[in-house]
């Protein structure tokens, strides 16, 4: 666990201790924090990806499954997810920054930094989060899957969306 136990990040695979201080990745049970996904209806429309660690359900491929492959301003991204009826659910929303960070794969050898089997069609680009950038009310946070980093930008900028819902 990290960030005082607020959320789990995937294991780095570190197996060697580099210091005598407890808390390196090798000190933890890797199976408990490894990324694990289940794809439901993987060959048809309305496919979703369930995150087995967090319990969140994500749209498998927003571009082809939910016709959400375009770029959105922040307000349009919020509205697009909140107004979405997909896979029999109407409680979709734009993820907050921690939720979207939880699917970034920092061990990926190349961009996009995400599990492309669980999340196909992910652009090596930025996806909006619902989290506003507090120092500037005109900004919001986004995750850039090119490197897996978190940045902020003007809400009027255009970025991709990946909607989420609580529970499978």
C-alpha atoms as a PDB file:
ATOM      1  CA  UNK A   1       0.000   0.000   0.000  1.00  0.00           C
ATOM      2  CA  UNK A   2       1.133   3.525  -0.551  1.00  0.00           C
ATOM      3  CA  UNK A   3       0.003   7.072   0.139  1.00  0.00           C
ATOM      4  CA  UNK A   4      -0.865   6.123   3.687  1.00  0.00           C
ATOM      5  CA  UNK A   5      -2.962   3.204   2.467  1.00  0.00           C
ATOM      6  CA  UNK A   6      -5.286   5.312   0.313  1.00  0.00           C
ATOM      7  CA  UNK A   7      -4.915   3.116  -2.771  1.00  0.00           C
ATOM      8  CA  UNK A   8      -2.778   0.285  -4.095  1.00  0.00           C
ATOM      9  CA  UNK A   9      -0.435   0.551  -7.025  1.00  0.00           C
ATOM     10  CA  UNK A  10       0.757  -2.418  -9.052  1.00  0.00           C
ATOM     11  CA  UNK A  11       3.896  -4.169  -7.935  1.00  0.00           C
ATOM     12  CA  UNK A  12       7.130  -3.177  -9.662  1.00  0.00           C
ATOM     13  CA  UNK A  13       8.472  -6.698  -9.565  1.00  0.00           C
ATOM     14  CA  UNK A  14      11.451  -5.659  -7.404  1.00  0.00           C
ATOM     15  CA  UNK A  15      12.926  -8.795  -5.832  1.00  0.00           C
ATOM     16  CA  UNK A  16      16.185  -7.423  -4.408  1.00  0.00           C
ATOM     17  CA  UNK A  17      16.556  -5.290  -1.302  1.00  0.00           C
ATOM     18  CA  UNK A  18      18.722  -2.237  -1.889  1.00  0.00           C
ATOM     19  CA  UNK A  19      18.606  -0.871   1.669  1.00  0.00           C
ATOM     20  CA  UNK A  20      18.115  -2.172   5.195  1.00  0.00           C
ATOM     21  CA  UNK A  21      14.963  -0.053   5.485  1.00  0.00           C
ATOM     22  CA  UNK A  22      11.644  -1.884   5.365  1.00  0.00           C
ATOM     23  CA  UNK A  23       9.223  -0.587   2.763  1.00  0.00           C
ATOM     24  CA  UNK A  24      10.797  -1.369  -0.585  1.00  0.00           C
ATOM     25  CA  UNK A  25       8.606  -3.209  -3.087  1.00  0.00           C
ATOM     26  CA  UNK A  26      10.399  -6.492  -2.446  1.00  0.00           C
ATOM     27  CA  UNK A  27       9.126  -6.369   1.172  1.00  0.00           C
ATOM     28  CA  UNK A  28       5.490  -6.711   0.136  1.00  0.00           C
ATOM     29  CA  UNK A  29       3.360  -9.592  -1.125  1.00  0.00           C
ATOM     30  CA  UNK A  30       3.401  -8.995  -4.882  1.00  0.00           C
ATOM     31  CA  UNK A  31       0.284 -11.021  -5.708  1.00  0.00           C
ATOM     32  CA  UNK A  32      -1.858  -8.676  -3.624  1.00  0.00           C
ATOM     33  CA  UNK A  33      -0.952  -5.654  -5.721  1.00  0.00           C
ATOM     34  CA  UNK A  34      -0.410  -7.114  -9.185  1.00  0.00           C
ATOM     35  CA  UNK A  35      -2.679  -5.725 -11.865  1.00  0.00           C
ATOM     36  CA  UNK A  36      -5.501  -8.122 -12.596  1.00  0.00           C
ATOM     37  CA  UNK A  37      -8.359  -7.610 -15.027  1.00  0.00           C
ATOM     38  CA  UNK A  38     -11.316  -9.570 -16.318  1.00  0.00           C
ATOM     39  CA  UNK A  39     -12.821  -8.649 -19.681  1.00  0.00           C
ATOM     40  CA  UNK A  40     -16.522  -9.372 -20.048  1.00  0.00           C
ATOM     41  CA  UNK A  41     -18.040  -9.860 -23.508  1.00  0.00           C
ATOM     42  CA  UNK A  42     -14.619  -9.473 -25.181  1.00  0.00           C
ATOM     43  CA  UNK A  43     -15.810 -10.175 -28.728  1.00  0.00           C
ATOM     44  CA  UNK A  44     -18.849  -7.957 -28.922  1.00  0.00           C
ATOM     45  CA  UNK A  45     -20.226  -4.537 -28.344  1.00  0.00           C
ATOM     46  CA  UNK A  46     -20.706  -3.541 -24.684  1.00  0.00           C
ATOM     47  CA  UNK A  47     -17.416  -5.034 -23.528  1.00  0.00           C
ATOM     48  CA  UNK A  48     -16.221  -3.945 -20.100  1.00  0.00           C
ATOM     49  CA  UNK A  49     -13.010  -4.480 -18.164  1.00  0.00           C
ATOM     50  CA  UNK A  50     -13.317  -5.222 -14.452  1.00  0.00           C
ATOM     51  CA  UNK A  51     -10.338  -4.304 -12.286  1.00  0.00           C
ATOM     52  CA  UNK A  52     -10.035  -7.211  -9.859  1.00  0.00           C
ATOM     53  CA  UNK A  53      -8.028  -5.109  -7.364  1.00  0.00           C
ATOM     54  CA  UNK A  54     -10.151  -1.980  -7.122  1.00  0.00           C
ATOM     55  CA  UNK A  55     -13.569  -3.306  -8.149  1.00  0.00           C
ATOM     56  CA  UNK A  56     -13.973  -0.580 -10.765  1.00  0.00           C
ATOM     57  CA  UNK A  57     -15.518  -1.364 -14.137  1.00  0.00           C
ATOM     58  CA  UNK A  58     -14.114   0.405 -17.188  1.00  0.00           C
ATOM     59  CA  UNK A  59     -15.331   0.599 -20.767  1.00  0.00           C
ATOM     60  CA  UNK A  60     -13.105  -1.898 -22.571  1.00  0.00           C
ATOM     61  CA  UNK A  61     -12.479   0.197 -25.682  1.00  0.00           C
ATOM     62  CA  UNK A  62     -14.232   3.592 -25.578  1.00  0.00           C
ATOM     63  CA  UNK A  63     -13.485   4.306 -29.223  1.00  0.00           C
ATOM     64  CA  UNK A  64     -15.127   1.250 -30.759  1.00  0.00           C
ATOM     65  CA  UNK A  65     -17.440   0.014 -27.997  1.00  0.00           C
ATOM     66  CA  UNK A  66     -19.022   3.284 -26.878  1.00  0.00           C
ATOM     67  CA  UNK A  67     -18.263   5.597 -29.840  1.00  0.00           C
ATOM     68  CA  UNK A  68     -16.170   7.836 -27.572  1.00  0.00           C
ATOM     69  CA  UNK A  69     -12.940   7.952 -29.540  1.00  0.00           C
ATOM     70  CA  UNK A  70     -12.825  11.682 -30.042  1.00  0.00           C
ATOM     71  CA  UNK A  71     -11.306  14.490 -28.057  1.00  0.00           C
ATOM     72  CA  UNK A  72     -13.289  16.323 -25.411  1.00  0.00           C
ATOM     73  CA  UNK A  73     -12.982  19.475 -23.342  1.00  0.00           C
ATOM     74  CA  UNK A  74     -13.155  18.804 -19.604  1.00  0.00           C
ATOM     75  CA  UNK A  75     -16.810  19.833 -19.256  1.00  0.00           C
ATOM     76  CA  UNK A  76     -17.780  17.780 -22.307  1.00  0.00           C
ATOM     77  CA  UNK A  77     -15.878  14.781 -20.887  1.00  0.00           C
ATOM     78  CA  UNK A  78     -17.775  15.037 -17.591  1.00  0.00           C
ATOM     79  CA  UNK A  79     -21.096  15.248 -19.447  1.00  0.00           C
ATOM     80  CA  UNK A  80     -20.252  12.444 -21.875  1.00  0.00           C
ATOM     81  CA  UNK A  81     -19.534   9.965 -19.082  1.00  0.00           C
ATOM     82  CA  UNK A  82     -22.366  11.053 -16.810  1.00  0.00           C
ATOM     83  CA  UNK A  83     -24.909  10.844 -19.636  1.00  0.00           C
ATOM     84  CA  UNK A  84     -23.708   7.478 -20.902  1.00  0.00           C
ATOM     85  CA  UNK A  85     -25.922   4.408 -21.041  1.00  0.00           C
ATOM     86  CA  UNK A  86     -23.645   1.495 -21.862  1.00  0.00           C
ATOM     87  CA  UNK A  87     -23.539  -2.261 -21.178  1.00  0.00           C
ATOM     88  CA  UNK A  88     -26.807  -2.002 -19.267  1.00  0.00           C
ATOM     89  CA  UNK A  89     -25.507   0.642 -16.833  1.00  0.00           C
ATOM     90  CA  UNK A  90     -26.255   4.350 -16.516  1.00  0.00           C
ATOM     91  CA  UNK A  91     -23.942   5.188 -13.589  1.00  0.00           C
ATOM     92  CA  UNK A  92     -20.792   5.876 -15.632  1.00  0.00           C
ATOM     93  CA  UNK A  93     -18.614   8.810 -14.626  1.00  0.00           C
ATOM     94  CA  UNK A  94     -15.277  10.415 -15.383  1.00  0.00           C
ATOM     95  CA  UNK A  95     -12.669   8.877 -13.018  1.00  0.00           C
ATOM     96  CA  UNK A  96     -10.788  10.981 -10.509  1.00  0.00           C
ATOM     97  CA  UNK A  97      -7.024  11.265 -10.844  1.00  0.00           C
ATOM     98  CA  UNK A  98      -6.233   8.397  -8.440  1.00  0.00           C
ATOM     99  CA  UNK A  99      -8.653   6.051 -10.177  1.00  0.00           C
ATOM    100  CA  UNK A 100      -7.237   6.712 -13.635  1.00  0.00           C
ATOM    101  CA  UNK A 101      -3.667   6.456 -12.333  1.00  0.00           C
ATOM    102  CA  UNK A 102      -4.501   3.006 -10.979  1.00  0.00           C
ATOM    103  CA  UNK A 103      -4.683   1.539 -14.506  1.00  0.00           C
ATOM    104  CA  UNK A 104      -1.448   3.102 -15.763  1.00  0.00           C
ATOM    105  CA  UNK A 105       1.157   0.361 -16.275  1.00  0.00           C
ATOM    106  CA  UNK A 106       4.528   1.812 -15.328  1.00  0.00           C
ATOM    107  CA  UNK A 107       6.222  -1.451 -16.223  1.00  0.00           C
ATOM    108  CA  UNK A 108       5.059  -1.351 -19.846  1.00  0.00           C
ATOM    109  CA  UNK A 109       7.982  -1.511 -22.270  1.00  0.00           C
ATOM    110  CA  UNK A 110       6.470   1.065 -24.611  1.00  0.00           C
ATOM    111  CA  UNK A 111       3.614   3.529 -24.907  1.00  0.00           C
ATOM    112  CA  UNK A 112       0.787   3.439 -24.213  1.00  0.00           C
ATOM    113  CA  UNK A 113       1.582   2.733 -20.556  1.00  0.00           C
ATOM    114  CA  UNK A 114      -1.452   0.556 -19.955  1.00  0.00           C
ATOM    115  CA  UNK A 115      -2.414  -3.109 -20.319  1.00  0.00           C
ATOM    116  CA  UNK A 116      -3.447  -3.087 -23.979  1.00  0.00           C
ATOM    117  CA  UNK A 117      -5.256  -6.433 -23.678  1.00  0.00           C
ATOM    118  CA  UNK A 118      -7.521  -5.124 -20.927  1.00  0.00           C
ATOM    119  CA  UNK A 119      -7.708  -1.633 -22.436  1.00  0.00           C
ATOM    120  CA  UNK A 120      -7.278  -1.912 -26.226  1.00  0.00           C
ATOM    121  CA  UNK A 121      -7.270   1.173 -28.390  1.00  0.00           C
ATOM    122  CA  UNK A 122      -5.844   3.407 -25.675  1.00  0.00           C
ATOM    123  CA  UNK A 123      -4.042   6.298 -27.310  1.00  0.00           C
ATOM    124  CA  UNK A 124      -0.539   7.215 -26.197  1.00  0.00           C
ATOM    125  CA  UNK A 125      -2.049  10.499 -25.158  1.00  0.00           C
ATOM    126  CA  UNK A 126      -3.864  12.266 -22.353  1.00  0.00           C
ATOM    127  CA  UNK A 127      -7.177  11.275 -20.733  1.00  0.00           C
ATOM    128  CA  UNK A 128      -9.159  13.662 -18.564  1.00  0.00           C
ATOM    129  CA  UNK A 129      -9.882  13.001 -14.898  1.00  0.00           C
ATOM    130  CA  UNK A 130     -12.731  14.580 -12.937  1.00  0.00           C
ATOM    131  CA  UNK A 131     -10.236  16.155 -10.519  1.00  0.00           C
ATOM    132  CA  UNK A 132      -9.957  19.942 -10.831  1.00  0.00           C
ATOM    133  CA  UNK A 133      -6.557  21.581 -10.534  1.00  0.00           C
ATOM    134  CA  UNK A 134      -7.019  23.536  -7.297  1.00  0.00           C
ATOM    135  CA  UNK A 135      -4.423  26.324  -7.809  1.00  0.00           C
ATOM    136  CA  UNK A 136      -6.151  27.342 -11.060  1.00  0.00           C
ATOM    137  CA  UNK A 137      -9.916  26.963 -11.393  1.00  0.00           C
ATOM    138  CA  UNK A 138      -9.493  26.918 -15.177  1.00  0.00           C
ATOM    139  CA  UNK A 139      -7.459  23.683 -14.981  1.00  0.00           C
ATOM    140  CA  UNK A 140      -7.958  19.978 -14.324  1.00  0.00           C
ATOM    141  CA  UNK A 141      -5.713  16.905 -13.941  1.00  0.00           C
ATOM    142  CA  UNK A 142      -5.198  14.320 -16.677  1.00  0.00           C
ATOM    143  CA  UNK A 143      -3.183  11.135 -17.101  1.00  0.00           C
ATOM    144  CA  UNK A 144      -0.905  10.944 -20.121  1.00  0.00           C
ATOM    145  CA  UNK A 145      -0.625   7.296 -21.161  1.00  0.00           C
ATOM    146  CA  UNK A 146       2.416   8.056 -23.326  1.00  0.00           C
ATOM    147  CA  UNK A 147       4.554   8.019 -20.169  1.00  0.00           C
ATOM    148  CA  UNK A 148       1.928   7.281 -17.498  1.00  0.00           C
ATOM    149  CA  UNK A 149       2.472  10.659 -15.896  1.00  0.00           C
ATOM    150  CA  UNK A 150      -0.084  12.998 -14.362  1.00  0.00           C
ATOM    151  CA  UNK A 151      -0.281  16.588 -15.542  1.00  0.00           C
ATOM    152  CA  UNK A 152      -2.710  19.472 -15.443  1.00  0.00           C
ATOM    153  CA  UNK A 153      -4.051  21.586 -18.234  1.00  0.00           C
ATOM    154  CA  UNK A 154      -6.740  24.055 -19.120  1.00  0.00           C
ATOM    155  CA  UNK A 155     -10.259  22.627 -19.047  1.00  0.00           C
ATOM    156  CA  UNK A 156     -10.784  24.023 -22.543  1.00  0.00           C
ATOM    157  CA  UNK A 157      -8.059  21.722 -23.913  1.00  0.00           C
ATOM    158  CA  UNK A 158      -8.966  18.581 -25.829  1.00  0.00           C
ATOM    159  CA  UNK A 159      -8.197  15.162 -24.357  1.00  0.00           C
ATOM    160  CA  UNK A 160      -9.562  11.614 -24.511  1.00  0.00           C
ATOM    161  CA  UNK A 161     -11.957  10.051 -22.001  1.00  0.00           C
ATOM    162  CA  UNK A 162     -12.213   6.668 -20.324  1.00  0.00           C
ATOM    163  CA  UNK A 163     -15.401   6.286 -18.277  1.00  0.00           C
ATOM    164  CA  UNK A 164     -15.590   4.214 -15.095  1.00  0.00           C
ATOM    165  CA  UNK A 165     -18.247   2.924 -12.727  1.00  0.00           C
ATOM    166  CA  UNK A 166     -18.106   1.502  -9.217  1.00  0.00           C
ATOM    167  CA  UNK A 167     -18.498  -2.261  -9.005  1.00  0.00           C
ATOM    168  CA  UNK A 168     -18.750  -5.027 -11.548  1.00  0.00           C
END
